Amino acid sequence: MFLVCGEALFDVFATGETPTGLAMDARIGGSPFNVAVGLARLGQPVAFLSQLSRGFLGERLMRALDAEGVDTSTVQRSDAPTTLSLIGVDARGVPAYAFYGEGCADRRLDLTALDALPPGVKAINVGSYATVVGSTAETQRTLIERMQGRALIAYDPNIRLNVEPRLAVWRAQIDWMLPRTQLLKVSDEDLSLVWPGLAPAEFAERALAQGVKLVVLTRGAEGALGWTAAARAEAAPVPVAVIDAVGAGDTFQAALLTWLAERDALSDAALAALPPEALQDALAFAARAAAITCSRRGADMPRRSEV
């Protein structure tokens, strides 16, 4: 069982002008929400740990989780509103975000949620802005501390400066997470934001020295790199007609975790022992899945048969 923790929201795309304003297309999303759905579509048992609104937007998120087969027994409900993420996409399909989330449900997860964890959690995935805002951040830290040595911790910083603009906060979170993380996935954009000029290999070396067992750097159209203490591998980019890149990183993470789960490799020892050819295969599998998402509007993750 995977446990994915963090925000759930609506991605609201501007799709064009109308005579009186703008046309909008609202789609369910949020980085951890996407990872949970991505894992379910790839055939993995997964529960989602978050707080959702009781309003009509929260109800829609719940219905989506249920429809995908995600375990919602760990979802708290409240009367707080649902976060909205407004997205404009440039000519290359690269999204720009504006968040409306102050006081919203996904920032208000409290410690009582940890009383409802499902049995048999093998791996926990955290990341994005819910790791640095509100009571949700503190609840996740408590969970991570409790589960050290009991479940693999996977982490994708997925930095959102329009939610938390202080880079020092993100650096502090990454520094706190590194000794507690076994699988770290970070984008080249996030790396350049937090540590400008730091070479990817040097960052990987630092993370591995802190105790991370597998470090993965995604590079968009340039593919992905991966490091363990004993191996290095690279996956070439997958050619695709890009609609937009929303959810591509989340898909990559879900697919990478799926590849590892299918080979019983969700442990410190298994990650550290991955030979270069296996690591390359894992990265290539995740890159193929991410390319499928890029070929669709929004965070529409692929199913196992498609990958």
Protein backbone atom coordinates (compact mmCIF):
# COMPACT_ATOMS: atom_id res chain seq x y z
CA MET A 1 0.00 0.00 0.00
CA PHE A 2 1.22 3.48 -0.92
CA LEU A 3 0.23 6.49 1.17
CA VAL A 4 0.32 9.82 -0.67
CA CYS A 5 0.11 13.00 1.41
CA GLY A 6 -0.65 16.58 0.42
CA GLU A 7 -2.91 18.92 -1.43
CA ALA A 8 -5.92 18.41 -3.67
CA LEU A 9 -7.28 21.30 -5.69
CA PHE A 10 -8.73 22.43 -8.97
CA ASP A 11 -6.51 23.44 -11.87
CA VAL A 12 -8.44 26.13 -13.73
CA PHE A 13 -7.16 26.63 -17.27
CA ALA A 14 -7.73 29.80 -19.25
CA THR A 15 -8.91 28.45 -22.60
CA GLY A 16 -9.55 31.69 -24.47
CA GLU A 17 -11.38 34.97 -24.45
CA THR A 18 -15.14 35.40 -24.54
CA PRO A 19 -17.10 38.59 -25.33
CA THR A 20 -17.38 39.31 -21.60
CA GLY A 21 -14.20 37.80 -20.16
CA LEU A 22 -12.35 34.49 -20.25
CA ALA A 23 -13.42 30.89 -20.75
CA MET A 24 -12.19 28.55 -18.03
CA ASP A 25 -11.78 24.77 -17.86
CA ALA A 26 -11.60 23.48 -14.26
CA ARG A 27 -9.88 20.14 -13.72
CA ILE A 28 -9.15 18.16 -10.59
CA GLY A 29 -5.50 18.26 -9.58
CA GLY A 30 -2.79 19.05 -7.08
CA SER A 31 0.61 17.38 -7.22
CA PRO A 32 0.07 14.74 -4.47
CA PHE A 33 -3.52 14.16 -5.65
CA ASN A 34 -2.10 13.50 -9.12
CA VAL A 35 0.50 11.09 -7.76
CA ALA A 36 -2.22 9.15 -5.92
CA VAL A 37 -4.39 8.89 -9.02
CA GLY A 38 -1.34 8.06 -11.12
CA LEU A 39 -0.43 5.17 -8.83
CA ALA A 40 -4.00 3.85 -8.89
CA ARG A 41 -4.13 3.99 -12.68
CA LEU A 42 -0.85 2.11 -12.81
CA GLY A 43 -2.37 -0.68 -10.76
CA GLN A 44 -0.96 0.15 -7.33
CA PRO A 45 -2.95 0.12 -4.06
CA VAL A 46 -2.86 3.67 -2.70
CA ALA A 47 -4.47 5.80 -0.01
CA PHE A 48 -4.66 9.60 0.00
CA LEU A 49 -3.95 11.55 3.20
CA SER A 50 -5.38 15.06 3.02
CA GLN A 51 -8.23 17.30 4.08
CA LEU A 52 -10.97 18.07 1.56
CA SER A 53 -13.82 20.54 1.64
CA ARG A 54 -17.42 19.46 2.18
CA GLY A 55 -18.41 21.94 -0.54
CA PHE A 56 -19.23 20.95 -4.11
CA LEU A 57 -15.60 21.17 -5.23
CA GLY A 58 -14.46 18.91 -2.40
CA GLU A 59 -17.25 16.48 -3.23
CA ARG A 60 -16.03 16.36 -6.82
CA LEU A 61 -12.50 15.58 -5.64
CA MET A 62 -13.82 12.78 -3.43
CA ARG A 63 -15.83 11.29 -6.28
CA ALA A 64 -12.75 11.35 -8.48
CA LEU A 65 -10.66 9.53 -5.88
CA ASP A 66 -13.38 6.94 -5.38
CA ALA A 67 -13.77 6.44 -9.13
CA GLU A 68 -10.03 5.83 -9.52
CA GLY A 69 -9.97 3.29 -6.69
CA VAL A 70 -7.93 5.43 -4.28
CA ASP A 71 -8.53 4.61 -0.60
CA THR A 72 -10.17 7.69 0.98
CA SER A 73 -10.38 6.41 4.54
CA THR A 74 -7.54 8.78 5.42
CA VAL A 75 -9.24 11.90 4.00
CA GLN A 76 -10.46 14.45 6.54
CA ARG A 77 -13.44 16.65 5.66
CA SER A 78 -14.05 20.25 6.70
CA ASP A 79 -16.05 23.34 5.79
CA ALA A 80 -12.93 25.17 4.57
CA PRO A 81 -12.89 26.03 0.84
CA THR A 82 -11.01 24.21 -1.92
CA THR A 83 -7.79 25.62 -3.35
CA LEU A 84 -7.91 26.97 -6.90
CA SER A 85 -4.85 26.99 -9.14
CA LEU A 86 -5.29 29.24 -12.18
CA ILE A 87 -3.10 28.18 -15.08
CA GLY A 88 -2.02 29.95 -18.21
CA VAL A 89 0.02 27.92 -20.71
CA ASP A 90 2.60 29.46 -23.05
CA ALA A 91 3.31 28.46 -26.64
CA ARG A 92 5.67 25.68 -25.51
CA GLY A 93 3.06 24.17 -23.18
CA VAL A 94 4.85 25.37 -20.03
CA PRO A 95 2.35 26.30 -17.30
CA ALA A 96 2.33 29.45 -15.14
CA TYR A 97 0.34 29.18 -11.90
CA ALA A 98 -1.60 31.57 -9.64
CA PHE A 99 -2.79 29.96 -6.40
CA TYR A 100 -5.83 30.93 -4.34
CA GLY A 101 -5.47 28.78 -1.26
CA GLU A 102 -5.14 30.79 1.95
CA GLY A 103 -7.18 29.06 4.67
CA CYS A 104 -8.24 26.25 2.35
CA ALA A 105 -8.86 22.67 3.41
CA ASP A 106 -5.68 21.11 2.04
CA ARG A 107 -3.57 23.26 4.39
CA ARG A 108 -5.51 22.28 7.53
CA LEU A 109 -4.85 18.55 7.98
CA ASP A 110 -4.45 17.86 11.70
CA LEU A 111 -2.79 15.12 13.73
CA THR A 112 -6.01 13.17 14.27
CA ALA A 113 -5.74 12.09 10.62
CA LEU A 114 -2.81 9.87 11.58
CA ASP A 115 -5.13 7.71 13.68
CA ALA A 116 -6.73 6.35 10.49
CA LEU A 117 -3.68 5.13 8.60
CA PRO A 118 -4.32 1.92 6.66
CA PRO A 119 -2.35 -1.22 7.52
CA GLY A 120 0.52 -2.37 5.37
CA VAL A 121 1.86 1.01 4.22
CA LYS A 122 5.03 0.20 2.28
CA ALA A 123 5.90 3.66 0.99
CA ILE A 124 4.88 7.26 1.71
CA ASN A 125 5.06 10.03 -0.88
CA VAL A 126 5.17 13.71 0.09
CA GLY A 127 5.92 16.93 -1.74
CA SER A 128 4.79 20.30 -3.05
CA TYR A 129 3.43 23.22 -1.05
CA ALA A 130 1.54 21.20 1.57
CA THR A 131 4.94 20.33 3.06
CA VAL A 132 5.60 23.97 3.99
CA VAL A 133 2.23 25.60 4.83
CA GLY A 134 -0.37 25.28 7.57
CA SER A 135 -1.00 22.44 9.97
CA THR A 136 -0.70 19.99 7.07
CA ALA A 137 3.07 20.57 7.04
CA GLU A 138 3.39 19.78 10.73
CA THR A 139 1.17 16.71 10.43
CA GLN A 140 3.29 15.39 7.58
CA ARG A 141 6.49 15.89 9.58
CA THR A 142 5.01 13.94 12.46
CA LEU A 143 4.03 11.15 10.07
CA ILE A 144 7.50 11.02 8.52
CA GLU A 145 9.15 10.83 11.94
CA ARG A 146 6.80 8.05 13.06
CA MET A 147 7.34 5.98 9.93
CA GLN A 148 11.15 6.10 9.80
CA GLY A 149 12.38 2.56 9.30
CA ARG A 150 8.82 1.30 8.79
CA ALA A 151 8.08 2.64 5.29
CA LEU A 152 10.06 4.07 2.40
CA ILE A 153 9.81 7.87 2.19
CA ALA A 154 9.64 9.36 -1.31
CA TYR A 155 9.93 13.14 -1.69
CA ASP A 156 9.51 15.60 -4.56
CA PRO A 157 9.97 19.23 -3.39
CA ASN A 158 7.88 20.57 -6.32
CA ILE A 159 8.52 24.17 -5.30
CA ARG A 160 5.70 26.70 -5.67
CA LEU A 161 7.01 30.20 -4.98
CA ASN A 162 3.59 31.75 -5.58
CA VAL A 163 2.39 29.83 -2.53
CA GLU A 164 5.49 30.19 -0.32
CA PRO A 165 7.81 32.81 -1.88
CA ARG A 166 10.65 32.47 0.63
CA LEU A 167 13.34 30.19 -0.78
CA ALA A 168 14.81 29.86 2.71
CA VAL A 169 11.66 27.99 3.79
CA TRP A 170 12.01 25.54 0.91
CA ARG A 171 15.73 25.07 1.59
CA ALA A 172 15.01 24.36 5.24
CA GLN A 173 12.34 21.82 4.28
CA ILE A 174 14.67 20.04 1.85
CA ASP A 175 17.45 20.02 4.45
CA TRP A 176 15.03 18.51 7.00
CA MET A 177 13.80 15.91 4.53
CA LEU A 178 17.10 14.65 3.12
CA PRO A 179 18.15 12.54 6.15
CA ARG A 180 14.61 11.15 6.32
CA THR A 181 14.15 10.39 2.60
CA GLN A 182 15.10 7.27 0.68
CA LEU A 183 13.86 8.28 -2.79
CA LEU A 184 14.32 11.90 -3.85
CA LYS A 185 12.97 13.16 -7.16
CA VAL A 186 13.67 16.80 -8.05
CA SER A 187 13.26 18.78 -11.26
CA ASP A 188 16.09 20.78 -12.76
CA GLU A 189 13.93 23.91 -12.37
CA ASP A 190 13.58 23.33 -8.63
CA LEU A 191 17.28 22.62 -8.22
CA SER A 192 18.24 25.85 -9.99
CA LEU A 193 15.80 27.80 -7.80
CA VAL A 194 17.09 26.48 -4.49
CA TRP A 195 20.78 26.18 -5.29
CA PRO A 196 21.60 28.23 -8.42
CA GLY A 197 24.69 27.01 -10.20
CA LEU A 198 24.94 23.74 -8.29
CA ALA A 199 25.79 20.89 -10.65
CA PRO A 200 23.25 18.03 -10.59
CA ALA A 201 25.95 15.47 -9.82
CA GLU A 202 27.16 17.52 -6.87
CA PHE A 203 23.63 17.84 -5.52
CA ALA A 204 23.15 14.09 -5.89
CA GLU A 205 26.39 13.47 -4.02
CA ARG A 206 25.23 15.72 -1.17
CA ALA A 207 21.83 14.00 -0.98
CA LEU A 208 23.35 10.51 -1.01
CA ALA A 209 25.73 11.54 1.78
CA GLN A 210 22.69 12.58 3.83
CA GLY A 211 21.20 9.09 3.53
CA VAL A 212 19.08 9.24 0.37
CA LYS A 213 19.35 5.94 -1.50
CA LEU A 214 18.12 7.04 -4.94
CA VAL A 215 18.29 10.56 -6.38
CA VAL A 216 16.47 11.36 -9.62
CA LEU A 217 16.69 14.62 -11.56
CA THR A 218 14.02 15.26 -14.20
CA ARG A 219 14.97 17.62 -17.01
CA GLY A 220 11.80 17.99 -19.05
CA ALA A 221 12.53 17.60 -22.75
CA GLU A 222 16.10 16.52 -21.95
CA GLY A 223 15.15 13.33 -20.12
CA ALA A 224 16.17 12.27 -16.61
CA LEU A 225 19.23 11.34 -14.58
CA GLY A 226 19.47 8.97 -11.63
CA TRP A 227 22.10 8.20 -9.01
CA THR A 228 22.62 5.70 -6.23
CA ALA A 229 25.83 5.41 -4.25
CA ALA A 230 27.03 2.76 -6.73
CA ALA A 231 25.25 3.53 -10.03
CA ARG A 232 24.41 6.32 -12.43
CA ALA A 233 21.94 6.18 -15.33
CA GLU A 234 20.26 8.43 -17.85
CA ALA A 235 16.96 8.18 -19.70
CA ALA A 236 16.61 9.87 -23.05
CA PRO A 237 13.62 12.15 -23.66
CA VAL A 238 10.54 10.60 -25.24
CA PRO A 239 9.40 12.51 -28.35
CA VAL A 240 5.79 13.66 -28.03
CA ALA A 241 3.49 16.40 -29.33
CA VAL A 242 3.10 18.46 -26.16
CA ILE A 243 -0.32 19.80 -25.21
CA ASP A 244 0.93 20.94 -21.80
CA ALA A 245 3.29 19.71 -19.10
CA VAL A 246 0.80 19.87 -16.21
CA GLY A 247 1.15 16.73 -14.10
CA ALA A 248 4.16 15.38 -15.99
CA GLY A 249 6.42 15.38 -12.93
CA ASP A 250 3.68 13.76 -10.84
CA THR A 251 3.24 11.06 -13.46
CA PHE A 252 6.99 10.47 -13.51
CA GLN A 253 6.98 9.98 -9.74
CA ALA A 254 4.00 7.62 -9.78
CA ALA A 255 5.53 5.58 -12.57
CA LEU A 256 8.93 5.40 -10.90
CA LEU A 257 7.32 4.16 -7.68
CA THR A 258 5.28 1.66 -9.70
CA TRP A 259 8.36 0.28 -11.43
CA LEU A 260 10.03 -0.22 -8.05
CA ALA A 261 6.93 -1.78 -6.48
CA GLU A 262 6.56 -4.25 -9.35
CA ARG A 263 10.11 -5.46 -8.62
CA ASP A 264 9.81 -5.48 -4.83
CA ALA A 265 12.42 -2.72 -4.67
CA LEU A 266 10.77 -0.35 -2.18
CA SER A 267 13.45 -0.63 0.48
CA ASP A 268 16.77 0.98 1.37
CA ALA A 269 18.74 -2.11 0.43
CA ALA A 270 16.93 -2.67 -2.87
CA LEU A 271 17.33 0.94 -3.98
CA ALA A 272 21.01 0.99 -3.10
CA ALA A 273 21.57 -2.28 -4.98
CA LEU A 274 19.98 -1.21 -8.29
CA PRO A 275 22.45 -1.90 -11.09
CA PRO A 276 22.89 0.81 -13.76
CA GLU A 277 20.82 -1.07 -16.35
CA ALA A 278 17.90 -1.47 -13.95
CA LEU A 279 18.08 2.18 -12.93
CA GLN A 280 18.05 3.19 -16.60
CA ASP A 281 15.01 0.99 -17.21
CA ALA A 282 13.20 2.58 -14.26
CA LEU A 283 13.89 6.10 -15.53
CA ALA A 284 12.84 5.17 -19.08
CA PHE A 285 9.56 3.68 -17.83
CA ALA A 286 8.80 6.85 -15.85
CA ALA A 287 9.74 9.06 -18.79
CA ARG A 288 7.36 7.17 -21.11
CA ALA A 289 4.52 7.65 -18.65
CA ALA A 290 5.27 11.37 -18.28
CA ALA A 291 5.34 11.81 -22.06
CA ILE A 292 1.82 10.40 -22.32
CA THR A 293 0.59 12.99 -19.80
CA CYS A 294 2.29 15.76 -21.79
CA SER A 295 0.30 14.71 -24.85
CA ARG A 296 -2.99 15.44 -23.04
CA ARG A 297 -4.70 18.47 -21.54
CA GLY A 298 -3.99 18.75 -17.81
CA ALA A 299 -2.91 16.07 -15.37
CA ASP A 300 -4.44 13.11 -17.20
CA MET A 301 -2.15 10.28 -16.10
CA PRO A 302 -1.82 7.08 -18.13
CA ARG A 303 -2.99 3.61 -17.19
CA ARG A 304 -0.61 0.69 -16.91
CA SER A 305 -1.52 -0.78 -20.29
CA GLU A 306 -0.70 2.52 -22.03
CA VAL A 307 2.82 2.68 -20.63
